[in-house]
């Protein structure tokens, strides 16, 4: 991947998220849930899958997108969000207006059920100089 390709990806990512942030500011309370978080997660604070953090990127699997897969409530909303794009667990939490911990449990369970695929970041991000340079260039482009 060339430097110009990566610059374009960073710009697209940043502009998409800034646009989404502007849209969310309009009426964030309209999407707020009246169901308590512990009811959504059945009182659990950890998911069936380990290693799903707030920064983990998620995408829908073919099993998750299958018409025979019947999902209810928040799981259906998560699948709808991730059927067209890849998002982090933190972005899913914001989109659903649920606490981050709740989104981590739900997404982790869906990864364990093979409805979602988790894409983990490099473990040595601080040593990934090209990534850091692309991020700096993306911020400068704003």
C-alpha atoms as a PDB file:
ATOM      1  CA  UNK A   1       0.000   0.000   0.000  1.00  0.00           C
ATOM      2  CA  UNK A   2       1.461   3.329  -1.020  1.00  0.00           C
ATOM      3  CA  UNK A   3       1.670   6.367   1.207  1.00  0.00           C
ATOM      4  CA  UNK A   4      -0.968   8.215  -0.836  1.00  0.00           C
ATOM      5  CA  UNK A   5      -3.377   5.260  -0.526  1.00  0.00           C
ATOM      6  CA  UNK A   6      -2.944   5.185   3.238  1.00  0.00           C
ATOM      7  CA  UNK A   7      -3.373   8.973   3.434  1.00  0.00           C
ATOM      8  CA  UNK A   8      -6.681   8.633   1.607  1.00  0.00           C
ATOM      9  CA  UNK A   9      -7.836   5.902   3.980  1.00  0.00           C
ATOM     10  CA  UNK A  10      -6.985   8.017   7.021  1.00  0.00           C
ATOM     11  CA  UNK A  11      -8.768  11.050   5.545  1.00  0.00           C
ATOM     12  CA  UNK A  12     -11.844   8.964   4.705  1.00  0.00           C
ATOM     13  CA  UNK A  13     -11.895   7.470   8.208  1.00  0.00           C
ATOM     14  CA  UNK A  14     -11.526  10.836   9.925  1.00  0.00           C
ATOM     15  CA  UNK A  15     -14.080  12.627   7.747  1.00  0.00           C
ATOM     16  CA  UNK A  16     -16.611   9.798   8.174  1.00  0.00           C
ATOM     17  CA  UNK A  17     -16.270   9.895  11.959  1.00  0.00           C
ATOM     18  CA  UNK A  18     -16.418  13.688  12.150  1.00  0.00           C
ATOM     19  CA  UNK A  19     -19.564  13.653  10.015  1.00  0.00           C
ATOM     20  CA  UNK A  20     -21.096  10.944  12.226  1.00  0.00           C
ATOM     21  CA  UNK A  21     -20.212  12.962  15.345  1.00  0.00           C
ATOM     22  CA  UNK A  22     -22.027  15.992  13.919  1.00  0.00           C
ATOM     23  CA  UNK A  23     -25.107  13.882  13.138  1.00  0.00           C
ATOM     24  CA  UNK A  24     -25.122  12.361  16.627  1.00  0.00           C
ATOM     25  CA  UNK A  25     -25.090  15.791  18.291  1.00  0.00           C
ATOM     26  CA  UNK A  26     -28.491  16.632  16.822  1.00  0.00           C
ATOM     27  CA  UNK A  27     -30.600  14.383  19.077  1.00  0.00           C
ATOM     28  CA  UNK A  28     -28.510  11.970  21.176  1.00  0.00           C
ATOM     29  CA  UNK A  29     -31.230  11.534  23.819  1.00  0.00           C
ATOM     30  CA  UNK A  30     -33.753  10.295  21.265  1.00  0.00           C
ATOM     31  CA  UNK A  31     -31.920   6.959  20.964  1.00  0.00           C
ATOM     32  CA  UNK A  32     -31.337   6.413  24.689  1.00  0.00           C
ATOM     33  CA  UNK A  33     -32.499   3.062  25.995  1.00  0.00           C
ATOM     34  CA  UNK A  34     -34.833   2.675  28.955  1.00  0.00           C
ATOM     35  CA  UNK A  35     -33.526  -0.855  29.606  1.00  0.00           C
ATOM     36  CA  UNK A  36     -30.820  -1.135  32.241  1.00  0.00           C
ATOM     37  CA  UNK A  37     -27.422  -2.334  31.022  1.00  0.00           C
ATOM     38  CA  UNK A  38     -27.335  -5.294  33.394  1.00  0.00           C
ATOM     39  CA  UNK A  39     -30.577  -6.543  31.830  1.00  0.00           C
ATOM     40  CA  UNK A  40     -29.055  -6.400  28.343  1.00  0.00           C
ATOM     41  CA  UNK A  41     -25.972  -8.367  29.435  1.00  0.00           C
ATOM     42  CA  UNK A  42     -27.899 -10.633  31.846  1.00  0.00           C
ATOM     43  CA  UNK A  43     -25.802  -9.297  34.721  1.00  0.00           C
ATOM     44  CA  UNK A  44     -22.479 -10.263  33.138  1.00  0.00           C
ATOM     45  CA  UNK A  45     -19.469  -7.967  32.980  1.00  0.00           C
ATOM     46  CA  UNK A  46     -17.401 -10.213  30.702  1.00  0.00           C
ATOM     47  CA  UNK A  47     -18.248 -11.804  27.392  1.00  0.00           C
ATOM     48  CA  UNK A  48     -17.864 -15.345  26.103  1.00  0.00           C
ATOM     49  CA  UNK A  49     -14.924 -14.230  23.949  1.00  0.00           C
ATOM     50  CA  UNK A  50     -11.738 -12.926  25.479  1.00  0.00           C
ATOM     51  CA  UNK A  51      -9.635 -10.185  23.948  1.00  0.00           C
ATOM     52  CA  UNK A  52     -12.431  -7.938  22.669  1.00  0.00           C
ATOM     53  CA  UNK A  53     -11.460  -4.444  23.771  1.00  0.00           C
ATOM     54  CA  UNK A  54     -12.992  -1.056  23.079  1.00  0.00           C
ATOM     55  CA  UNK A  55     -10.544  -0.519  20.207  1.00  0.00           C
ATOM     56  CA  UNK A  56     -11.253  -3.869  18.513  1.00  0.00           C
ATOM     57  CA  UNK A  57     -12.593  -3.451  14.990  1.00  0.00           C
ATOM     58  CA  UNK A  58     -15.605  -5.589  14.125  1.00  0.00           C
ATOM     59  CA  UNK A  59     -17.238  -6.712  10.909  1.00  0.00           C
ATOM     60  CA  UNK A  60     -20.193  -8.979  10.203  1.00  0.00           C
ATOM     61  CA  UNK A  61     -19.553 -12.567   9.120  1.00  0.00           C
ATOM     62  CA  UNK A  62     -21.557 -14.371   6.467  1.00  0.00           C
ATOM     63  CA  UNK A  63     -23.257 -16.371   9.230  1.00  0.00           C
ATOM     64  CA  UNK A  64     -24.262 -13.158  10.962  1.00  0.00           C
ATOM     65  CA  UNK A  65     -25.671 -11.699   7.753  1.00  0.00           C
ATOM     66  CA  UNK A  66     -27.529 -14.878   6.835  1.00  0.00           C
ATOM     67  CA  UNK A  67     -31.314 -14.422   6.627  1.00  0.00           C
ATOM     68  CA  UNK A  68     -31.725 -17.573   8.723  1.00  0.00           C
ATOM     69  CA  UNK A  69     -29.933 -15.910  11.652  1.00  0.00           C
ATOM     70  CA  UNK A  70     -32.631 -14.332  13.794  1.00  0.00           C
ATOM     71  CA  UNK A  71     -31.342 -11.659  16.154  1.00  0.00           C
ATOM     72  CA  UNK A  72     -33.314  -9.533  18.571  1.00  0.00           C
ATOM     73  CA  UNK A  73     -32.930  -6.087  20.079  1.00  0.00           C
ATOM     74  CA  UNK A  74     -29.364  -4.805  20.481  1.00  0.00           C
ATOM     75  CA  UNK A  75     -27.814  -7.755  18.648  1.00  0.00           C
ATOM     76  CA  UNK A  76     -29.976  -6.972  15.598  1.00  0.00           C
ATOM     77  CA  UNK A  77     -28.956  -3.307  15.776  1.00  0.00           C
ATOM     78  CA  UNK A  78     -25.272  -4.264  15.983  1.00  0.00           C
ATOM     79  CA  UNK A  79     -25.616  -6.547  12.967  1.00  0.00           C
ATOM     80  CA  UNK A  80     -27.397  -3.808  11.020  1.00  0.00           C
ATOM     81  CA  UNK A  81     -24.577  -1.369  11.829  1.00  0.00           C
ATOM     82  CA  UNK A  82     -21.807  -3.792  10.908  1.00  0.00           C
ATOM     83  CA  UNK A  83     -23.356  -5.276   7.788  1.00  0.00           C
ATOM     84  CA  UNK A  84     -22.185  -2.317   5.699  1.00  0.00           C
ATOM     85  CA  UNK A  85     -19.074  -1.124   7.530  1.00  0.00           C
ATOM     86  CA  UNK A  86     -16.343  -1.994   9.981  1.00  0.00           C
ATOM     87  CA  UNK A  87     -16.568  -0.228  13.334  1.00  0.00           C
ATOM     88  CA  UNK A  88     -14.790  -0.372  16.667  1.00  0.00           C
ATOM     89  CA  UNK A  89     -16.574  -1.550  19.808  1.00  0.00           C
ATOM     90  CA  UNK A  90     -16.480   2.056  21.061  1.00  0.00           C
ATOM     91  CA  UNK A  91     -18.259   3.263  17.909  1.00  0.00           C
ATOM     92  CA  UNK A  92     -20.889   0.541  18.343  1.00  0.00           C
ATOM     93  CA  UNK A  93     -21.473   1.700  21.940  1.00  0.00           C
ATOM     94  CA  UNK A  94     -21.994   5.288  20.807  1.00  0.00           C
ATOM     95  CA  UNK A  95     -24.297   4.253  17.960  1.00  0.00           C
ATOM     96  CA  UNK A  96     -26.477   2.178  20.301  1.00  0.00           C
ATOM     97  CA  UNK A  97     -26.295   4.717  23.156  1.00  0.00           C
ATOM     98  CA  UNK A  98     -25.195   2.020  25.609  1.00  0.00           C
ATOM     99  CA  UNK A  99     -22.257   2.039  28.039  1.00  0.00           C
ATOM    100  CA  UNK A 100     -18.937   0.854  26.641  1.00  0.00           C
ATOM    101  CA  UNK A 101     -18.847  -2.189  28.943  1.00  0.00           C
ATOM    102  CA  UNK A 102     -22.265  -3.289  27.709  1.00  0.00           C
ATOM    103  CA  UNK A 103     -21.151  -3.028  24.087  1.00  0.00           C
ATOM    104  CA  UNK A 104     -17.982  -5.002  24.888  1.00  0.00           C
ATOM    105  CA  UNK A 105     -20.041  -7.846  26.390  1.00  0.00           C
ATOM    106  CA  UNK A 106     -22.557  -7.911  23.523  1.00  0.00           C
ATOM    107  CA  UNK A 107     -19.911  -7.720  20.796  1.00  0.00           C
ATOM    108  CA  UNK A 108     -17.719 -10.291  22.540  1.00  0.00           C
ATOM    109  CA  UNK A 109     -20.643 -12.701  22.725  1.00  0.00           C
ATOM    110  CA  UNK A 110     -21.369 -12.170  19.033  1.00  0.00           C
ATOM    111  CA  UNK A 111     -17.696 -12.836  18.192  1.00  0.00           C
ATOM    112  CA  UNK A 112     -17.853 -16.065  20.230  1.00  0.00           C
ATOM    113  CA  UNK A 113     -21.035 -17.043  18.370  1.00  0.00           C
ATOM    114  CA  UNK A 114     -19.195 -16.335  15.071  1.00  0.00           C
ATOM    115  CA  UNK A 115     -21.688 -13.647  14.078  1.00  0.00           C
ATOM    116  CA  UNK A 116     -18.953 -11.002  14.084  1.00  0.00           C
ATOM    117  CA  UNK A 117     -15.287 -11.113  13.185  1.00  0.00           C
ATOM    118  CA  UNK A 118     -12.815  -9.258  15.392  1.00  0.00           C
ATOM    119  CA  UNK A 119      -9.856  -7.493  13.803  1.00  0.00           C
ATOM    120  CA  UNK A 120      -7.255  -6.806  16.472  1.00  0.00           C
ATOM    121  CA  UNK A 121      -4.741  -4.000  16.220  1.00  0.00           C
ATOM    122  CA  UNK A 122      -1.034  -4.684  16.299  1.00  0.00           C
ATOM    123  CA  UNK A 123       0.218  -5.321  19.807  1.00  0.00           C
ATOM    124  CA  UNK A 124       3.167  -2.943  19.320  1.00  0.00           C
ATOM    125  CA  UNK A 125       1.364   0.098  17.957  1.00  0.00           C
ATOM    126  CA  UNK A 126       3.865   2.397  19.673  1.00  0.00           C
ATOM    127  CA  UNK A 127       6.625   0.853  17.544  1.00  0.00           C
ATOM    128  CA  UNK A 128       4.656   0.991  14.272  1.00  0.00           C
ATOM    129  CA  UNK A 129       6.319   4.097  12.798  1.00  0.00           C
ATOM    130  CA  UNK A 130       4.487   4.034   9.420  1.00  0.00           C
ATOM    131  CA  UNK A 131       1.112   3.889  11.210  1.00  0.00           C
ATOM    132  CA  UNK A 132       2.015   6.815  13.451  1.00  0.00           C
ATOM    133  CA  UNK A 133       3.212   8.811  10.417  1.00  0.00           C
ATOM    134  CA  UNK A 134      -0.064   8.122   8.577  1.00  0.00           C
ATOM    135  CA  UNK A 135      -2.052   9.259  11.620  1.00  0.00           C
ATOM    136  CA  UNK A 136      -0.044  12.463  11.864  1.00  0.00           C
ATOM    137  CA  UNK A 137      -0.561  13.136   8.167  1.00  0.00           C
ATOM    138  CA  UNK A 138      -4.289  12.479   8.535  1.00  0.00           C
ATOM    139  CA  UNK A 139      -4.573  14.938  11.398  1.00  0.00           C
ATOM    140  CA  UNK A 140      -2.605  17.552   9.448  1.00  0.00           C
ATOM    141  CA  UNK A 141      -4.974  17.094   6.512  1.00  0.00           C
ATOM    142  CA  UNK A 142      -7.892  18.154   8.668  1.00  0.00           C
END
